[in-house]
Amino acid sequence: MRTYGDPCGVARALDRIGERWALLVVRELILGPKRFTDLRTGLPHVSPDVLAQRLRELAGAGVVQRRTLAPPAASQVYELTDWGRELEPVVLALGRWGSRAPFAPGGADLGVDAFVLALKTLFDPSAAESLDASYELRLGEHRFHARVAGGRLDIARGDADRPDATIETDPATLASVLWHGGRARDLTIDGDQSAVTRFLSLFPPARPAV
């Protein structure tokens, strides 16, 4: 393992997650385990060889582990270790900071997990005061249940149990509605319309740094 040879905690952290693509692999695993092919979908610009190398390095550093699912699936997945899961607030804080930077040229769309983490990154607790509601986000074939209560937003992969409202769309369309002047009528909404209106107001765009 390459090292900065610096005893500072920041340097020792970068020894483990500072290689190119490593922290994005962590990002892709924050919402739960994934197969190698799922990681490739979330990180379409990384080669299979580089992704495999980063997974080996992260496993060796104690950040990621590989597990075989119980039958009938019996497929291998990668997931964060307990120590790796402690990186979630770090990733969200970095995303909050990076959201103020200009967009890279090319206009690539956010991946599904990256988009959901962007919601957590930009969530405004002060705008959620008094709101207590649950939602199901149907983003293509992906399902997430979201709960807003006590000024907190919790999102996890999977169907919601009797949500107040469902929002069905794709990440690009929802991102357009939230941050780029898109129209809410482009979303397929079922349930409490007022709860959806409140939900869409909870994610103000980041103020540009420059």
Protein backbone atom coordinates (compact mmCIF):
# COMPACT_ATOMS: atom_id res chain seq x y z
CA MET A 1 0.00 0.00 0.00
CA ARG A 2 1.32 3.43 -0.93
CA THR A 3 1.59 5.81 2.00
CA TYR A 4 2.23 9.46 2.64
CA GLY A 5 4.42 8.45 5.55
CA ASP A 6 2.76 11.16 7.63
CA PRO A 7 1.39 10.34 11.11
CA CYS A 8 -1.43 12.93 10.78
CA GLY A 9 -4.90 11.34 10.86
CA VAL A 10 -5.83 13.06 7.58
CA ALA A 11 -2.81 11.53 5.86
CA ARG A 12 -3.51 8.09 7.32
CA ALA A 13 -7.13 8.34 6.09
CA LEU A 14 -5.91 9.24 2.60
CA ASP A 15 -3.53 6.28 2.71
CA ARG A 16 -6.67 4.12 2.76
CA ILE A 17 -9.25 5.99 0.68
CA GLY A 18 -7.22 8.54 -1.26
CA GLU A 19 -6.61 6.58 -4.46
CA ARG A 20 -8.61 7.57 -7.53
CA TRP A 21 -12.12 6.00 -7.47
CA ALA A 22 -11.75 4.67 -3.91
CA LEU A 23 -14.03 7.20 -2.24
CA LEU A 24 -16.58 6.88 -5.03
CA VAL A 25 -16.66 3.14 -4.40
CA VAL A 26 -17.44 3.97 -0.76
CA ARG A 27 -20.18 6.33 -1.97
CA GLU A 28 -21.78 3.56 -4.00
CA LEU A 29 -21.90 1.26 -0.96
CA ILE A 30 -23.31 3.68 1.61
CA LEU A 31 -26.92 2.73 0.82
CA GLY A 32 -26.22 -0.99 1.03
CA PRO A 33 -24.36 -3.96 -0.49
CA LYS A 34 -23.82 -4.24 -4.24
CA ARG A 35 -22.62 -6.80 -6.71
CA PHE A 36 -19.59 -6.00 -8.86
CA THR A 37 -21.87 -5.40 -11.85
CA ASP A 38 -23.98 -2.97 -9.80
CA LEU A 39 -20.85 -1.04 -8.88
CA ARG A 40 -19.93 -0.86 -12.56
CA THR A 41 -23.36 0.59 -13.31
CA GLY A 42 -22.91 3.30 -10.67
CA LEU A 43 -19.34 4.02 -11.82
CA PRO A 44 -19.54 3.65 -15.61
CA HIS A 45 -16.20 5.38 -16.29
CA VAL A 46 -14.01 3.06 -14.21
CA SER A 47 -12.50 0.01 -15.89
CA PRO A 48 -13.23 -3.44 -14.45
CA ASP A 49 -9.56 -3.95 -13.60
CA VAL A 50 -9.27 -0.67 -11.73
CA LEU A 51 -12.52 -1.30 -9.86
CA ALA A 52 -11.35 -4.76 -8.82
CA GLN A 53 -8.04 -3.30 -7.66
CA ARG A 54 -9.76 -0.61 -5.59
CA LEU A 55 -12.04 -3.19 -3.99
CA ARG A 56 -9.01 -5.31 -3.04
CA GLU A 57 -7.27 -2.28 -1.57
CA LEU A 58 -10.33 -1.15 0.39
CA ALA A 59 -10.82 -4.68 1.69
CA GLY A 60 -7.18 -4.81 2.74
CA ALA A 61 -7.62 -1.48 4.52
CA GLY A 62 -10.63 -2.79 6.47
CA VAL A 63 -13.12 -0.46 4.75
CA VAL A 64 -14.94 -2.96 2.49
CA GLN A 65 -15.72 -6.64 2.83
CA ARG A 66 -17.06 -9.28 0.44
CA ARG A 67 -19.98 -11.50 1.39
CA THR A 68 -21.96 -14.28 -0.28
CA LEU A 69 -25.72 -13.87 -0.11
CA ALA A 70 -27.82 -16.73 1.22
CA PRO A 71 -29.56 -19.05 -1.29
CA PRO A 72 -31.33 -18.80 -3.64
CA ALA A 73 -29.38 -15.65 -4.65
CA ALA A 74 -25.97 -16.99 -3.57
CA SER A 75 -24.22 -14.12 -5.37
CA GLN A 76 -21.24 -12.23 -4.01
CA VAL A 77 -21.69 -8.65 -2.89
CA TYR A 78 -19.43 -5.95 -1.53
CA GLU A 79 -20.39 -3.94 1.53
CA LEU A 80 -18.88 -1.47 3.94
CA THR A 81 -17.48 -2.75 7.20
CA ASP A 82 -18.56 -1.10 10.46
CA TRP A 83 -15.50 1.15 10.18
CA GLY A 84 -16.29 1.86 6.55
CA ARG A 85 -19.85 2.92 7.42
CA GLU A 86 -18.40 5.62 9.65
CA LEU A 87 -17.38 7.36 6.41
CA GLU A 88 -20.99 8.32 5.57
CA PRO A 89 -20.92 11.73 7.32
CA VAL A 90 -17.49 12.35 5.79
CA VAL A 91 -18.82 11.61 2.29
CA LEU A 92 -21.90 13.77 2.86
CA ALA A 93 -19.80 16.67 4.18
CA LEU A 94 -17.48 16.37 1.19
CA GLY A 95 -20.49 16.30 -1.13
CA ARG A 96 -21.90 19.41 0.57
CA TRP A 97 -18.60 21.20 0.06
CA GLY A 98 -18.24 19.99 -3.54
CA SER A 99 -21.81 21.01 -4.41
CA ARG A 100 -20.63 24.61 -4.35
CA ALA A 101 -18.06 23.96 -7.09
CA PRO A 102 -18.84 24.43 -10.80
CA PHE A 103 -20.13 21.41 -12.70
CA ALA A 104 -17.60 19.54 -14.82
CA PRO A 105 -18.08 19.91 -18.60
CA GLY A 106 -20.00 17.18 -20.36
CA GLY A 107 -23.31 17.20 -18.48
CA ALA A 108 -23.27 13.57 -17.31
CA ASP A 109 -26.32 12.48 -15.32
CA LEU A 110 -26.10 11.54 -11.65
CA GLY A 111 -26.24 7.84 -10.90
CA VAL A 112 -29.13 6.64 -8.74
CA ASP A 113 -27.15 6.24 -5.51
CA ALA A 114 -25.25 9.47 -6.12
CA PHE A 115 -28.56 11.27 -6.58
CA VAL A 116 -30.05 9.88 -3.36
CA LEU A 117 -26.93 10.89 -1.45
CA ALA A 118 -27.25 14.36 -3.01
CA LEU A 119 -30.68 14.59 -1.36
CA LYS A 120 -29.08 13.80 2.00
CA THR A 121 -26.29 16.27 1.26
CA LEU A 122 -28.56 19.22 0.43
CA PHE A 123 -31.36 18.50 2.92
CA ASP A 124 -32.30 21.63 4.89
CA PRO A 125 -33.43 20.68 8.41
CA SER A 126 -34.88 24.13 9.07
CA ALA A 127 -37.24 23.76 6.09
CA ALA A 128 -38.48 20.43 7.48
CA GLU A 129 -39.68 21.72 10.84
CA SER A 130 -43.10 20.29 11.76
CA LEU A 131 -43.08 17.94 8.76
CA ASP A 132 -43.65 14.28 9.61
CA ALA A 133 -44.18 12.21 6.49
CA SER A 134 -42.95 9.12 4.68
CA TYR A 135 -42.35 8.72 0.97
CA GLU A 136 -41.49 6.07 -1.57
CA LEU A 137 -39.15 7.21 -4.33
CA ARG A 138 -39.43 5.08 -7.45
CA LEU A 139 -36.41 5.93 -9.56
CA GLY A 140 -36.64 3.64 -12.55
CA GLU A 141 -36.30 0.09 -11.25
CA HIS A 142 -34.93 1.32 -7.92
CA ARG A 143 -37.05 1.86 -4.80
CA PHE A 144 -36.16 3.95 -1.75
CA HIS A 145 -38.16 4.76 1.33
CA ALA A 146 -37.68 8.18 2.83
CA ARG A 147 -38.84 9.52 6.19
CA VAL A 148 -38.83 13.17 7.23
CA ALA A 149 -39.45 13.72 10.92
CA GLY A 150 -37.96 15.84 13.67
CA GLY A 151 -35.96 17.88 11.17
CA ARG A 152 -34.21 14.71 9.92
CA LEU A 153 -34.18 12.89 6.61
CA ASP A 154 -33.62 9.15 6.57
CA ILE A 155 -33.44 7.28 3.26
CA ALA A 156 -32.83 3.58 2.71
CA ARG A 157 -33.13 1.21 -0.20
CA GLY A 158 -36.41 -0.70 -0.45
CA ASP A 159 -40.18 -0.22 -0.57
CA ALA A 160 -41.92 2.07 1.91
CA ASP A 161 -44.59 0.70 4.24
CA ARG A 162 -47.79 2.68 3.62
CA PRO A 163 -46.10 5.94 2.57
CA ASP A 164 -47.93 9.24 2.64
CA ALA A 165 -46.96 9.72 -0.99
CA THR A 166 -45.01 8.11 -3.80
CA ILE A 167 -42.90 9.94 -6.36
CA GLU A 168 -42.12 8.05 -9.57
CA THR A 169 -39.60 9.43 -12.04
CA ASP A 170 -35.93 9.15 -12.93
CA PRO A 171 -33.01 10.90 -11.20
CA ALA A 172 -32.43 13.38 -14.04
CA THR A 173 -36.06 14.55 -14.05
CA LEU A 174 -36.26 14.87 -10.27
CA ALA A 175 -32.93 16.72 -10.24
CA SER A 176 -34.34 19.10 -12.84
CA VAL A 177 -37.43 19.76 -10.69
CA LEU A 178 -35.38 20.31 -7.56
CA TRP A 179 -32.49 22.38 -8.87
CA HIS A 180 -32.87 23.41 -12.51
CA GLY A 181 -36.33 24.89 -12.88
CA GLY A 182 -38.12 21.72 -13.96
CA ARG A 183 -41.87 21.27 -13.54
CA ALA A 184 -43.35 19.17 -10.76
CA ARG A 185 -46.06 18.00 -13.17
CA ASP A 186 -43.36 15.98 -14.94
CA LEU A 187 -43.33 13.67 -11.89
CA THR A 188 -45.82 10.86 -11.34
CA ILE A 189 -47.22 11.49 -7.86
CA ASP A 190 -49.63 9.41 -5.82
CA GLY A 191 -50.89 10.26 -2.37
CA ASP A 192 -50.70 13.45 -0.31
CA GLN A 193 -49.90 16.25 -2.77
CA SER A 194 -49.14 18.75 -0.01
CA ALA A 195 -46.60 16.34 1.51
CA VAL A 196 -44.89 16.10 -1.88
CA THR A 197 -44.83 19.89 -2.24
CA ARG A 198 -43.15 20.14 1.16
CA PHE A 199 -40.68 17.38 0.25
CA LEU A 200 -39.64 19.14 -2.95
CA SER A 201 -38.83 22.28 -0.96
CA LEU A 202 -36.37 20.59 1.40
CA PHE A 203 -33.33 20.52 -0.90
CA PRO A 204 -32.23 24.06 -1.83
CA PRO A 205 -29.40 24.27 -4.36
CA ALA A 206 -25.96 24.94 -2.98
CA ARG A 207 -24.69 28.50 -3.11
CA PRO A 208 -21.78 28.67 -5.59
CA ALA A 209 -18.41 29.25 -3.94
CA VAL A 210 -17.07 31.31 -6.83
